[in-house]
Full PDB file with SEQRES, HELIX, SHEET, SSBOND, CRYST1, ORIGX, SCALE, CONECT and MASTER records, all heavy atoms in Angstrom:
SEQRES   1 A   41  ARG TYR ARG GLU LYS ARG TYR ARG GLU SER PHE ALA TRP          
SEQRES   2 A   41  VAL ASP HIS ILE ALA ALA VAL LYS ASP PRO ARG THR ILE          
SEQRES   3 A   41  ALA ALA LEU ASP GLU ALA VAL VAL ALA ARG LEU ARG ALA          
SEQRES   4 A   41  GLY ASP                                                      
HELIX    1 AA1 ARG A    8  PHE A   11  1                                   4    
HELIX    2 AA2 ALA A   12  ASP A   15  5                                   4    
HELIX    3 AA3 PRO A   23  ALA A   39  1                                  17    
CRYST1    1.000    1.000    1.000  90.00  90.00  90.00 P 1           1          
ORIGX1      1.000000  0.000000  0.000000        0.00000                         
ORIGX2      0.000000  1.000000  0.000000        0.00000                         
ORIGX3      0.000000  0.000000  1.000000        0.00000                         
SCALE1      1.000000  0.000000  0.000000        0.00000                         
SCALE2      0.000000  1.000000  0.000000        0.00000                         
SCALE3      0.000000  0.000000  1.000000        0.00000                         
ATOM      1  N   ARG A   1       0.842  -1.197   0.015  1.00  0.00           N  
ATOM      2  CA  ARG A   1      -0.008   0.006  -0.001  1.00  0.00           C  
ATOM      3  C   ARG A   1       0.885   1.262  -0.005  1.00  0.00           C  
ATOM      4  O   ARG A   1       0.502   2.266  -0.579  1.00  0.00           O  
ATOM      5  CB  ARG A   1      -0.936   0.031   1.219  1.00  0.00           C  
ATOM      6  CG  ARG A   1      -1.942  -1.093   1.347  1.00  0.00           C  
ATOM      7  CD  ARG A   1      -2.733  -1.311   0.067  1.00  0.00           C  
ATOM      8  NE  ARG A   1      -3.504  -0.184  -0.398  1.00  0.00           N  
ATOM      9  CZ  ARG A   1      -4.805  -0.021  -0.277  1.00  0.00           C  
ATOM     10  NH1 ARG A   1      -5.515  -0.912   0.385  1.00  0.00           N  
ATOM     11  NH2 ARG A   1      -5.425   1.020  -0.800  1.00  0.00           N  
ATOM     12  N   TYR A   2       2.020   1.176   0.662  1.00  0.00           N  
ATOM     13  CA  TYR A   2       2.897   2.304   0.730  1.00  0.00           C  
ATOM     14  C   TYR A   2       3.436   2.660  -0.689  1.00  0.00           C  
ATOM     15  O   TYR A   2       3.596   3.842  -1.031  1.00  0.00           O  
ATOM     16  CB  TYR A   2       4.072   1.978   1.621  1.00  0.00           C  
ATOM     17  CG  TYR A   2       5.232   2.946   1.581  1.00  0.00           C  
ATOM     18  CD1 TYR A   2       5.129   4.247   2.096  1.00  0.00           C  
ATOM     19  CD2 TYR A   2       6.470   2.588   1.045  1.00  0.00           C  
ATOM     20  CE1 TYR A   2       6.183   5.157   2.091  1.00  0.00           C  
ATOM     21  CE2 TYR A   2       7.519   3.468   1.021  1.00  0.00           C  
ATOM     22  CZ  TYR A   2       7.380   4.733   1.508  1.00  0.00           C  
ATOM     23  OH  TYR A   2       8.443   5.632   1.470  1.00  0.00           O  
ATOM     24  N   ARG A   3       3.661   1.676  -1.516  1.00  0.00           N  
ATOM     25  CA  ARG A   3       4.215   1.906  -2.852  1.00  0.00           C  
ATOM     26  C   ARG A   3       3.218   2.423  -3.821  1.00  0.00           C  
ATOM     27  O   ARG A   3       3.583   2.898  -4.918  1.00  0.00           O  
ATOM     28  CB  ARG A   3       4.857   0.611  -3.351  1.00  0.00           C  
ATOM     29  CG  ARG A   3       6.111   0.213  -2.595  1.00  0.00           C  
ATOM     30  CD  ARG A   3       6.568  -1.194  -3.069  1.00  0.00           C  
ATOM     31  NE  ARG A   3       6.837  -1.194  -4.505  1.00  0.00           N  
ATOM     32  CZ  ARG A   3       7.978  -0.838  -5.066  1.00  0.00           C  
ATOM     33  NH1 ARG A   3       8.981  -0.433  -4.304  1.00  0.00           N  
ATOM     34  NH2 ARG A   3       8.107  -0.921  -6.386  1.00  0.00           N  
ATOM     35  N   GLU A   4       1.906   2.363  -3.527  1.00  0.00           N  
ATOM     36  CA  GLU A   4       0.876   2.794  -4.468  1.00  0.00           C  
ATOM     37  C   GLU A   4       0.876   4.337  -4.594  1.00  0.00           C  
ATOM     38  O   GLU A   4       1.358   5.024  -3.754  1.00  0.00           O  
ATOM     39  CB  GLU A   4      -0.491   2.307  -3.970  1.00  0.00           C  
ATOM     40  CG  GLU A   4      -0.624   0.799  -4.037  1.00  0.00           C  
ATOM     41  CD  GLU A   4      -1.962   0.341  -3.444  1.00  0.00           C  
ATOM     42  OE1 GLU A   4      -2.733   1.174  -2.963  1.00  0.00           O  
ATOM     43  OE2 GLU A   4      -2.176  -0.894  -3.446  1.00  0.00           O  
ATOM     44  N   LYS A   5       0.300   4.768  -5.693  1.00  0.00           N  
ATOM     45  CA  LYS A   5       0.250   6.217  -6.001  1.00  0.00           C  
ATOM     46  C   LYS A   5      -1.192   6.748  -5.981  1.00  0.00           C  
ATOM     47  O   LYS A   5      -1.438   7.897  -6.405  1.00  0.00           O  
ATOM     48  CB  LYS A   5       0.892   6.481  -7.368  1.00  0.00           C  
ATOM     49  CG  LYS A   5       2.321   5.963  -7.507  1.00  0.00           C  
ATOM     50  CD  LYS A   5       3.260   6.638  -6.543  1.00  0.00           C  
ATOM     51  CE  LYS A   5       4.690   6.146  -6.752  1.00  0.00           C  
ATOM     52  NZ  LYS A   5       5.665   6.715  -5.758  1.00  0.00           N  
ATOM     53  N   ARG A   6      -2.135   5.966  -5.551  1.00  0.00           N  
ATOM     54  CA  ARG A   6      -3.518   6.369  -5.615  1.00  0.00           C  
ATOM     55  C   ARG A   6      -3.794   7.661  -4.790  1.00  0.00           C  
ATOM     56  O   ARG A   6      -4.753   8.365  -5.052  1.00  0.00           O  
ATOM     57  CB  ARG A   6      -4.447   5.248  -5.221  1.00  0.00           C  
ATOM     58  CG  ARG A   6      -4.358   4.854  -3.782  1.00  0.00           C  
ATOM     59  CD  ARG A   6      -5.392   3.780  -3.418  1.00  0.00           C  
ATOM     60  NE  ARG A   6      -5.110   2.525  -4.114  1.00  0.00           N  
ATOM     61  CZ  ARG A   6      -5.932   1.468  -4.110  1.00  0.00           C  
ATOM     62  NH1 ARG A   6      -7.058   1.562  -3.481  1.00  0.00           N  
ATOM     63  NH2 ARG A   6      -5.607   0.371  -4.730  1.00  0.00           N  
ATOM     64  N   TYR A   7      -2.959   7.898  -3.822  1.00  0.00           N  
ATOM     65  CA  TYR A   7      -3.159   9.099  -2.971  1.00  0.00           C  
ATOM     66  C   TYR A   7      -3.144  10.390  -3.806  1.00  0.00           C  
ATOM     67  O   TYR A   7      -3.725  11.383  -3.390  1.00  0.00           O  
ATOM     68  CB  TYR A   7      -2.105   9.139  -1.864  1.00  0.00           C  
ATOM     69  CG  TYR A   7      -0.744   9.581  -2.292  1.00  0.00           C  
ATOM     70  CD1 TYR A   7      -0.361  10.913  -2.247  1.00  0.00           C  
ATOM     71  CD2 TYR A   7       0.154   8.666  -2.840  1.00  0.00           C  
ATOM     72  CE1 TYR A   7       0.935  11.305  -2.662  1.00  0.00           C  
ATOM     73  CE2 TYR A   7       1.402   9.054  -3.282  1.00  0.00           C  
ATOM     74  CZ  TYR A   7       1.801  10.351  -3.179  1.00  0.00           C  
ATOM     75  OH  TYR A   7       3.031  10.738  -3.618  1.00  0.00           O  
ATOM     76  N   ARG A   8      -2.447  10.337  -4.941  1.00  0.00           N  
ATOM     77  CA  ARG A   8      -2.320  11.502  -5.787  1.00  0.00           C  
ATOM     78  C   ARG A   8      -3.657  11.939  -6.418  1.00  0.00           C  
ATOM     79  O   ARG A   8      -3.796  13.095  -6.834  1.00  0.00           O  
ATOM     80  CB  ARG A   8      -1.321  11.283  -6.880  1.00  0.00           C  
ATOM     81  CG  ARG A   8       0.125  11.150  -6.323  1.00  0.00           C  
ATOM     82  CD  ARG A   8       1.133  10.837  -7.405  1.00  0.00           C  
ATOM     83  NE  ARG A   8       2.468  10.771  -6.875  1.00  0.00           N  
ATOM     84  CZ  ARG A   8       3.542  10.381  -7.573  1.00  0.00           C  
ATOM     85  NH1 ARG A   8       3.401  10.077  -8.842  1.00  0.00           N  
ATOM     86  NH2 ARG A   8       4.748  10.360  -7.007  1.00  0.00           N  
ATOM     87  N   GLU A   9      -4.638  11.047  -6.382  1.00  0.00           N  
ATOM     88  CA  GLU A   9      -5.953  11.423  -6.941  1.00  0.00           C  
ATOM     89  C   GLU A   9      -6.625  12.458  -6.058  1.00  0.00           C  
ATOM     90  O   GLU A   9      -7.342  13.336  -6.585  1.00  0.00           O  
ATOM     91  CB  GLU A   9      -6.805  10.157  -7.053  1.00  0.00           C  
ATOM     92  CG  GLU A   9      -6.283   9.108  -8.059  1.00  0.00           C  
ATOM     93  CD  GLU A   9      -7.080   7.837  -8.051  1.00  0.00           C  
ATOM     94  OE1 GLU A   9      -8.144   7.828  -7.366  1.00  0.00           O  
ATOM     95  OE2 GLU A   9      -6.677   6.846  -8.662  1.00  0.00           O  
ATOM     96  N   SER A  10      -6.442  12.378  -4.730  1.00  0.00           N  
ATOM     97  CA  SER A  10      -7.163  13.270  -3.844  1.00  0.00           C  
ATOM     98  C   SER A  10      -6.196  14.064  -2.923  1.00  0.00           C  
ATOM     99  O   SER A  10      -6.610  15.086  -2.349  1.00  0.00           O  
ATOM    100  CB  SER A  10      -8.114  12.491  -2.919  1.00  0.00           C  
ATOM    101  OG  SER A  10      -9.051  11.784  -3.715  1.00  0.00           O  
ATOM    102  N   PHE A  11      -4.961  13.600  -2.789  1.00  0.00           N  
ATOM    103  CA  PHE A  11      -4.043  14.235  -1.888  1.00  0.00           C  
ATOM    104  C   PHE A  11      -2.714  14.582  -2.554  1.00  0.00           C  
ATOM    105  O   PHE A  11      -1.653  14.572  -1.894  1.00  0.00           O  
ATOM    106  CB  PHE A  11      -3.778  13.297  -0.704  1.00  0.00           C  
ATOM    107  CG  PHE A  11      -4.967  12.929   0.082  1.00  0.00           C  
ATOM    108  CD1 PHE A  11      -5.522  11.675  -0.070  1.00  0.00           C  
ATOM    109  CD2 PHE A  11      -5.552  13.792   1.005  1.00  0.00           C  
ATOM    110  CE1 PHE A  11      -6.634  11.275   0.659  1.00  0.00           C  
ATOM    111  CE2 PHE A  11      -6.656  13.427   1.757  1.00  0.00           C  
ATOM    112  CZ  PHE A  11      -7.206  12.152   1.599  1.00  0.00           C  
ATOM    113  N   ALA A  12      -2.738  14.933  -3.802  1.00  0.00           N  
ATOM    114  CA  ALA A  12      -1.474  15.221  -4.564  1.00  0.00           C  
ATOM    115  C   ALA A  12      -0.705  16.377  -3.873  1.00  0.00           C  
ATOM    116  O   ALA A  12       0.502  16.446  -3.958  1.00  0.00           O  
ATOM    117  CB  ALA A  12      -1.788  15.568  -5.994  1.00  0.00           C  
ATOM    118  N   TRP A  13      -1.426  17.287  -3.190  1.00  0.00           N  
ATOM    119  CA  TRP A  13      -0.810  18.444  -2.604  1.00  0.00           C  
ATOM    120  C   TRP A  13       0.143  18.105  -1.459  1.00  0.00           C  
ATOM    121  O   TRP A  13       1.024  18.916  -1.059  1.00  0.00           O  
ATOM    122  CB  TRP A  13      -1.870  19.442  -2.087  1.00  0.00           C  
ATOM    123  CG  TRP A  13      -2.929  18.768  -1.227  1.00  0.00           C  
ATOM    124  CD1 TRP A  13      -4.115  18.234  -1.615  1.00  0.00           C  
ATOM    125  CD2 TRP A  13      -2.860  18.613   0.199  1.00  0.00           C  
ATOM    126  NE1 TRP A  13      -4.765  17.731  -0.559  1.00  0.00           N  
ATOM    127  CE2 TRP A  13      -4.059  17.940   0.570  1.00  0.00           C  
ATOM    128  CE3 TRP A  13      -1.952  18.933   1.192  1.00  0.00           C  
ATOM    129  CZ2 TRP A  13      -4.298  17.613   1.903  1.00  0.00           C  
ATOM    130  CZ3 TRP A  13      -2.227  18.591   2.533  1.00  0.00           C  
ATOM    131  CH2 TRP A  13      -3.396  17.948   2.840  1.00  0.00           C  
ATOM    132  N   VAL A  14       0.056  16.875  -0.905  1.00  0.00           N  
ATOM    133  CA  VAL A  14       0.982  16.535   0.198  1.00  0.00           C  
ATOM    134  C   VAL A  14       2.421  16.453  -0.276  1.00  0.00           C  
ATOM    135  O   VAL A  14       3.349  16.513   0.537  1.00  0.00           O  
ATOM    136  CB  VAL A  14       0.577  15.229   0.888  1.00  0.00           C  
ATOM    137  CG1 VAL A  14      -0.874  15.271   1.391  1.00  0.00           C  
ATOM    138  CG2 VAL A  14       0.736  14.024  -0.035  1.00  0.00           C  
ATOM    139  N   ASP A  15       2.644  16.331  -1.545  1.00  0.00           N  
ATOM    140  CA  ASP A  15       4.011  16.229  -2.086  1.00  0.00           C  
ATOM    141  C   ASP A  15       4.628  17.633  -2.256  1.00  0.00           C  
ATOM    142  O   ASP A  15       5.814  17.727  -2.585  1.00  0.00           O  
ATOM    143  CB  ASP A  15       4.019  15.489  -3.408  1.00  0.00           C  
ATOM    144  CG  ASP A  15       3.726  14.024  -3.233  1.00  0.00           C  
ATOM    145  OD1 ASP A  15       3.933  13.511  -2.155  1.00  0.00           O  
ATOM    146  OD2 ASP A  15       3.208  13.415  -4.239  1.00  0.00           O  
ATOM    147  N   HIS A  16       3.855  18.711  -2.065  1.00  0.00           N  
ATOM    148  CA  HIS A  16       4.370  20.043  -2.331  1.00  0.00           C  
ATOM    149  C   HIS A  16       5.376  20.426  -1.244  1.00  0.00           C  
ATOM    150  O   HIS A  16       6.363  21.113  -1.578  1.00  0.00           O  
ATOM    151  CB  HIS A  16       3.216  21.052  -2.316  1.00  0.00           C  
ATOM    152  CG  HIS A  16       2.254  20.869  -3.460  1.00  0.00           C  
ATOM    153  ND1 HIS A  16       1.068  21.526  -3.500  1.00  0.00           N  
ATOM    154  CD2 HIS A  16       2.299  20.043  -4.536  1.00  0.00           C  
ATOM    155  CE1 HIS A  16       0.411  21.157  -4.607  1.00  0.00           C  
ATOM    156  NE2 HIS A  16       1.114  20.226  -5.227  1.00  0.00           N  
ATOM    157  N   ILE A  17       5.141  20.058  -0.008  1.00  0.00           N  
ATOM    158  CA  ILE A  17       6.067  20.389   1.096  1.00  0.00           C  
ATOM    159  C   ILE A  17       6.402  19.105   1.858  1.00  0.00           C  
ATOM    160  O   ILE A  17       5.497  18.348   2.194  1.00  0.00           O  
ATOM    161  CB  ILE A  17       5.379  21.426   2.081  1.00  0.00           C  
ATOM    162  CG1 ILE A  17       4.897  22.668   1.310  1.00  0.00           C  
ATOM    163  CG2 ILE A  17       6.388  21.819   3.136  1.00  0.00           C  
ATOM    164  CD1 ILE A  17       4.140  23.599   2.169  1.00  0.00           C  
ATOM    165  N   ALA A  18       7.651  18.959   2.194  1.00  0.00           N  
ATOM    166  CA  ALA A  18       8.047  17.766   2.959  1.00  0.00           C  
ATOM    167  C   ALA A  18       9.041  18.164   4.033  1.00  0.00           C  
ATOM    168  O   ALA A  18       9.858  19.065   3.852  1.00  0.00           O  
ATOM    169  CB  ALA A  18       8.661  16.710   2.011  1.00  0.00           C  
ATOM    170  N   ALA A  19       8.937  17.503   5.183  1.00  0.00           N  
ATOM    171  CA  ALA A  19       9.842  17.792   6.300  1.00  0.00           C  
ATOM    172  C   ALA A  19      11.060  16.880   6.176  1.00  0.00           C  
ATOM    173  O   ALA A  19      10.970  15.696   5.852  1.00  0.00           O  
ATOM    174  CB  ALA A  19       9.152  17.516   7.604  1.00  0.00           C  
ATOM    175  N   VAL A  20      12.244  17.463   6.433  1.00  0.00           N  
ATOM    176  CA  VAL A  20      13.485  16.695   6.502  1.00  0.00           C  
ATOM    177  C   VAL A  20      13.789  16.338   7.913  1.00  0.00           C  
ATOM    178  O   VAL A  20      13.899  17.248   8.768  1.00  0.00           O  
ATOM    179  CB  VAL A  20      14.645  17.486   5.856  1.00  0.00           C  
ATOM    180  CG1 VAL A  20      15.922  16.720   5.988  1.00  0.00           C  
ATOM    181  CG2 VAL A  20      14.360  17.818   4.389  1.00  0.00           C  
ATOM    182  N   LYS A  21      13.869  15.061   8.245  1.00  0.00           N  
ATOM    183  CA  LYS A  21      14.080  14.635   9.612  1.00  0.00           C  
ATOM    184  C   LYS A  21      15.376  13.848   9.795  1.00  0.00           C  
ATOM    185  O   LYS A  21      15.791  13.647  10.939  1.00  0.00           O  
ATOM    186  CB  LYS A  21      12.886  13.771  10.074  1.00  0.00           C  
ATOM    187  CG  LYS A  21      11.557  14.542  10.061  1.00  0.00           C  
ATOM    188  CD  LYS A  21      10.422  13.663  10.525  1.00  0.00           C  
ATOM    189  CE  LYS A  21       9.095  14.379  10.470  1.00  0.00           C  
ATOM    190  NZ  LYS A  21       7.980  13.552  10.901  1.00  0.00           N  
ATOM    191  N   ASP A  22      15.940  13.353   8.719  1.00  0.00           N  
ATOM    192  CA  ASP A  22      17.162  12.553   8.852  1.00  0.00           C  
ATOM    193  C   ASP A  22      18.303  13.424   9.337  1.00  0.00           C  
ATOM    194  O   ASP A  22      18.595  14.476   8.721  1.00  0.00           O  
ATOM    195  CB  ASP A  22      17.520  11.939   7.513  1.00  0.00           C  
ATOM    196  CG  ASP A  22      18.760  11.094   7.610  1.00  0.00           C  
ATOM    197  OD1 ASP A  22      18.656   9.952   8.100  1.00  0.00           O  
ATOM    198  OD2 ASP A  22      19.860  11.553   7.217  1.00  0.00           O  
ATOM    199  N   PRO A  23      18.955  13.093  10.458  1.00  0.00           N  
ATOM    200  CA  PRO A  23      20.020  13.962  11.026  1.00  0.00           C  
ATOM    201  C   PRO A  23      21.149  14.266  10.011  1.00  0.00           C  
ATOM    202  O   PRO A  23      21.698  15.344  10.004  1.00  0.00           O  
ATOM    203  CB  PRO A  23      20.518  13.154  12.212  1.00  0.00           C  
ATOM    204  CG  PRO A  23      19.371  12.287  12.604  1.00  0.00           C  
ATOM    205  CD  PRO A  23      18.703  11.925  11.304  1.00  0.00           C  
ATOM    206  N   ARG A  24      21.513  13.262   9.204  1.00  0.00           N  
ATOM    207  CA  ARG A  24      22.625  13.480   8.260  1.00  0.00           C  
ATOM    208  C   ARG A  24      22.214  14.472   7.168  1.00  0.00           C  
ATOM    209  O   ARG A  24      23.009  15.341   6.791  1.00  0.00           O  
ATOM    210  CB  ARG A  24      23.037  12.148   7.667  1.00  0.00           C  
ATOM    211  CG  ARG A  24      23.727  11.201   8.646  1.00  0.00           C  
ATOM    212  CD  ARG A  24      23.928   9.856   8.106  1.00  0.00           C  
ATOM    213  NE  ARG A  24      22.658   9.185   7.811  1.00  0.00           N  
ATOM    214  CZ  ARG A  24      22.541   7.937   7.367  1.00  0.00           C  
ATOM    215  NH1 ARG A  24      23.612   7.212   7.100  1.00  0.00           N  
ATOM    216  NH2 ARG A  24      21.354   7.408   7.187  1.00  0.00           N  
ATOM    217  N   THR A  25      21.001  14.374   6.714  1.00  0.00           N  
ATOM    218  CA  THR A  25      20.495  15.315   5.711  1.00  0.00           C  
ATOM    219  C   THR A  25      20.421  16.722   6.258  1.00  0.00           C  
ATOM    220  O   THR A  25      20.766  17.709   5.608  1.00  0.00           O  
ATOM    221  CB  THR A  25      19.157  14.853   5.093  1.00  0.00           C  
ATOM    222  OG1 THR A  25      19.275  13.502   4.640  1.00  0.00           O  
ATOM    223  CG2 THR A  25      18.715  15.740   3.985  1.00  0.00           C  
ATOM    224  N   ILE A  26      19.893  16.791   7.515  1.00  0.00           N  
ATOM    225  CA  ILE A  26      19.765  18.085   8.123  1.00  0.00           C  
ATOM    226  C   ILE A  26      21.128  18.758   8.307  1.00  0.00           C  
ATOM    227  O   ILE A  26      21.333  19.941   8.034  1.00  0.00           O  
ATOM    228  CB  ILE A  26      19.097  17.949   9.503  1.00  0.00           C  
ATOM    229  CG1 ILE A  26      17.604  17.564   9.331  1.00  0.00           C  
ATOM    230  CG2 ILE A  26      19.197  19.229  10.322  1.00  0.00           C  
ATOM    231  CD1 ILE A  26      16.926  17.215  10.626  1.00  0.00           C  
ATOM    232  N   ALA A  27      22.137  17.957   8.707  1.00  0.00           N  
ATOM    233  CA  ALA A  27      23.502  18.482   8.868  1.00  0.00           C  
ATOM    234  C   ALA A  27      24.059  19.002   7.537  1.00  0.00           C  
ATOM    235  O   ALA A  27      24.669  20.090   7.490  1.00  0.00           O  
ATOM    236  CB  ALA A  27      24.411  17.399   9.466  1.00  0.00           C  
ATOM    237  N   ALA A  28      23.790  18.255   6.484  1.00  0.00           N  
ATOM    238  CA  ALA A  28      24.282  18.679   5.149  1.00  0.00           C  
ATOM    239  C   ALA A  28      23.598  19.978   4.719  1.00  0.00           C  
ATOM    240  O   ALA A  28      24.268  20.840   4.148  1.00  0.00           O  
ATOM    241  CB  ALA A  28      24.052  17.573   4.159  1.00  0.00           C  
ATOM    242  N   LEU A  29      22.312  20.095   4.940  1.00  0.00           N  
ATOM    243  CA  LEU A  29      21.570  21.288   4.615  1.00  0.00           C  
ATOM    244  C   LEU A  29      22.080  22.470   5.442  1.00  0.00           C  
ATOM    245  O   LEU A  29      22.186  23.619   4.948  1.00  0.00           O  
ATOM    246  CB  LEU A  29      20.096  21.086   4.781  1.00  0.00           C  
ATOM    247  CG  LEU A  29      19.441  20.146   3.771  1.00  0.00           C  
ATOM    248  CD1 LEU A  29      18.021  19.838   4.197  1.00  0.00           C  
ATOM    249  CD2 LEU A  29      19.496  20.638   2.364  1.00  0.00           C  
ATOM    250  N   ASP A  30      22.305  22.273   6.753  1.00  0.00           N  
ATOM    251  CA  ASP A  30      22.814  23.336   7.577  1.00  0.00           C  
ATOM    252  C   ASP A  30      24.155  23.835   7.057  1.00  0.00           C  
ATOM    253  O   ASP A  30      24.436  25.047   7.056  1.00  0.00           O  
ATOM    254  CB  ASP A  30      22.971  22.824   9.035  1.00  0.00           C  
ATOM    255  CG  ASP A  30      21.619  22.672   9.734  1.00  0.00           C  
ATOM    256  OD1 ASP A  30      20.654  23.246   9.202  1.00  0.00           O  
ATOM    257  OD2 ASP A  30      21.588  22.028  10.769  1.00  0.00           O  
ATOM    258  N   GLU A  31      25.050  22.923   6.660  1.00  0.00           N  
ATOM    259  CA  GLU A  31      26.342  23.317   6.143  1.00  0.00           C  
ATOM    260  C   GLU A  31      26.163  24.124   4.840  1.00  0.00           C  
ATOM    261  O   GLU A  31      26.899  25.072   4.611  1.00  0.00           O  
ATOM    262  CB  GLU A  31      27.185  22.074   5.882  1.00  0.00           C  
ATOM    263  CG  GLU A  31      27.629  21.338   7.128  1.00  0.00           C  
ATOM    264  CD  GLU A  31      28.380  20.081   6.814  1.00  0.00           C  
ATOM    265  OE1 GLU A  31      28.623  19.801   5.626  1.00  0.00           O  
ATOM    266  OE2 GLU A  31      28.786  19.373   7.765  1.00  0.00           O  
ATOM    267  N   ALA A  32      25.206  23.743   4.032  1.00  0.00           N  
ATOM    268  CA  ALA A  32      24.944  24.501   2.803  1.00  0.00           C  
ATOM    269  C   ALA A  32      24.476  25.908   3.075  1.00  0.00           C  
ATOM    270  O   ALA A  32      24.900  26.871   2.423  1.00  0.00           O  
ATOM    271  CB  ALA A  32      23.943  23.741   1.931  1.00  0.00           C  
ATOM    272  N   VAL A  33      23.628  26.036   4.122  1.00  0.00           N  
ATOM    273  CA  VAL A  33      23.162  27.394   4.494  1.00  0.00           C  
ATOM    274  C   VAL A  33      24.317  28.251   5.008  1.00  0.00           C  
ATOM    275  O   VAL A  33      24.467  29.413   4.614  1.00  0.00           O  
ATOM    276  CB  VAL A  33      22.037  27.272   5.593  1.00  0.00           C  
ATOM    277  CG1 VAL A  33      21.708  28.653   6.158  1.00  0.00           C  
ATOM    278  CG2 VAL A  33      20.817  26.631   5.029  1.00  0.00           C  
ATOM    279  N   VAL A  34      25.164  27.647   5.854  1.00  0.00           N  
ATOM    280  CA  VAL A  34      26.296  28.392   6.384  1.00  0.00           C  
ATOM    281  C   VAL A  34      27.239  28.861   5.279  1.00  0.00           C  
ATOM    282  O   VAL A  34      27.703  29.992   5.253  1.00  0.00           O  
ATOM    283  CB  VAL A  34      27.035  27.548   7.438  1.00  0.00           C  
ATOM    284  CG1 VAL A  34      28.371  28.197   7.855  1.00  0.00           C  
ATOM    285  CG2 VAL A  34      26.172  27.303   8.656  1.00  0.00           C  
ATOM    286  N   ALA A  35      27.438  27.958   4.331  1.00  0.00           N  
ATOM    287  CA  ALA A  35      28.334  28.273   3.190  1.00  0.00           C  
ATOM    288  C   ALA A  35      27.807  29.459   2.419  1.00  0.00           C  
ATOM    289  O   ALA A  35      28.543  30.358   1.985  1.00  0.00           O  
ATOM    290  CB  ALA A  35      28.545  27.057   2.308  1.00  0.00           C  
ATOM    291  N   ARG A  36      26.504  29.478   2.209  1.00  0.00           N  
ATOM    292  CA  ARG A  36      25.882  30.572   1.441  1.00  0.00           C  
ATOM    293  C   ARG A  36      25.929  31.880   2.212  1.00  0.00           C  
ATOM    294  O   ARG A  36      26.123  32.943   1.664  1.00  0.00           O  
ATOM    295  CB  ARG A  36      24.436  30.211   1.035  1.00  0.00           C  
ATOM    296  CG  ARG A  36      24.394  29.099  -0.009  1.00  0.00           C  
ATOM    297  CD  ARG A  36      23.018  29.036  -0.651  1.00  0.00           C  
ATOM    298  NE  ARG A  36      22.985  28.095  -1.709  1.00  0.00           N  
ATOM    299  CZ  ARG A  36      21.996  28.023  -2.612  1.00  0.00           C  
ATOM    300  NH1 ARG A  36      20.967  28.813  -2.517  1.00  0.00           N  
ATOM    301  NH2 ARG A  36      22.046  27.088  -3.565  1.00  0.00           N  
ATOM    302  N   LEU A  37      25.711  31.794   3.540  1.00  0.00           N  
ATOM    303  CA  LEU A  37      25.801  33.000   4.367  1.00  0.00           C  
ATOM    304  C   LEU A  37      27.192  33.615   4.313  1.00  0.00           C  
ATOM    305  O   LEU A  37      27.330  34.831   4.194  1.00  0.00           O  
ATOM    306  CB  LEU A  37      25.408  32.676   5.783  1.00  0.00           C  
ATOM    307  CG  LEU A  37      23.928  32.368   6.069  1.00  0.00           C  
ATOM    308  CD1 LEU A  37      23.674  31.837   7.489  1.00  0.00           C  
ATOM    309  CD2 LEU A  37      23.090  33.625   5.809  1.00  0.00           C  
ATOM    310  N   ARG A  38      28.187  32.735   4.409  1.00  0.00           N  
ATOM    311  CA  ARG A  38      29.531  33.230   4.346  1.00  0.00           C  
ATOM    312  C   ARG A  38      29.889  33.849   2.992  1.00  0.00           C  
ATOM    313  O   ARG A  38      30.685  34.753   2.922  1.00  0.00           O  
ATOM    314  CB  ARG A  38      30.497  32.085   4.673  1.00  0.00           C  
ATOM    315  CG  ARG A  38      30.519  31.630   6.159  1.00  0.00           C  
ATOM    316  CD  ARG A  38      31.343  30.429   6.397  1.00  0.00           C  
ATOM    317  NE  ARG A  38      31.433  30.108   7.817  1.00  0.00           N  
ATOM    318  CZ  ARG A  38      31.953  28.964   8.297  1.00  0.00           C  
ATOM    319  NH1 ARG A  38      32.427  28.051   7.448  1.00  0.00           N  
ATOM    320  NH2 ARG A  38      32.019  28.765   9.599  1.00  0.00           N  
ATOM    321  N   ALA A  39      29.308  33.273   1.959  1.00  0.00           N  
ATOM    322  CA  ALA A  39      29.557  33.769   0.627  1.00  0.00           C  
ATOM    323  C   ALA A  39      28.698  35.012   0.298  1.00  0.00           C  
ATOM    324  O   ALA A  39      28.817  35.607  -0.792  1.00  0.00           O  
ATOM    325  CB  ALA A  39      29.312  32.697  -0.399  1.00  0.00           C  
ATOM    326  N   GLY A  40      27.782  35.380   1.209  1.00  0.00           N  
ATOM    327  CA  GLY A  40      26.886  36.480   0.982  1.00  0.00           C  
ATOM    328  C   GLY A  40      25.830  36.194   0.002  1.00  0.00           C  
ATOM    329  O   GLY A  40      25.191  37.096  -0.544  1.00  0.00           O  
ATOM    330  N   ASP A  41      25.536  34.885  -0.229  1.00  0.00           N  
ATOM    331  CA  ASP A  41      24.486  34.483  -1.194  1.00  0.00           C  
ATOM    332  C   ASP A  41      23.226  34.221  -0.429  1.00  0.00           C  
ATOM    333  O   ASP A  41      22.958  33.095  -0.017  1.00  0.00           O  
ATOM    334  CB  ASP A  41      25.020  33.232  -1.901  1.00  0.00           C  
ATOM    335  CG  ASP A  41      24.005  32.764  -2.998  1.00  0.00           C  
ATOM    336  OD1 ASP A  41      22.993  33.446  -3.185  1.00  0.00           O  
ATOM    337  OD2 ASP A  41      24.229  31.703  -3.580  1.00  0.00           O  
TER     338      ASP A  41                                                      
MASTER        0    0    0    3    0    0    0    6  337    1    0    4          
END                                                                             
């Protein structure tokens, strides 16, 4: 049931925003933000 795509018929909007919870991914994103701040971007 998890692999099915039928949810997109009525709940396609749930794919518009997603939370990142994996600690390693969060750390990588934090590093990317810091790098852009330092670069003035």
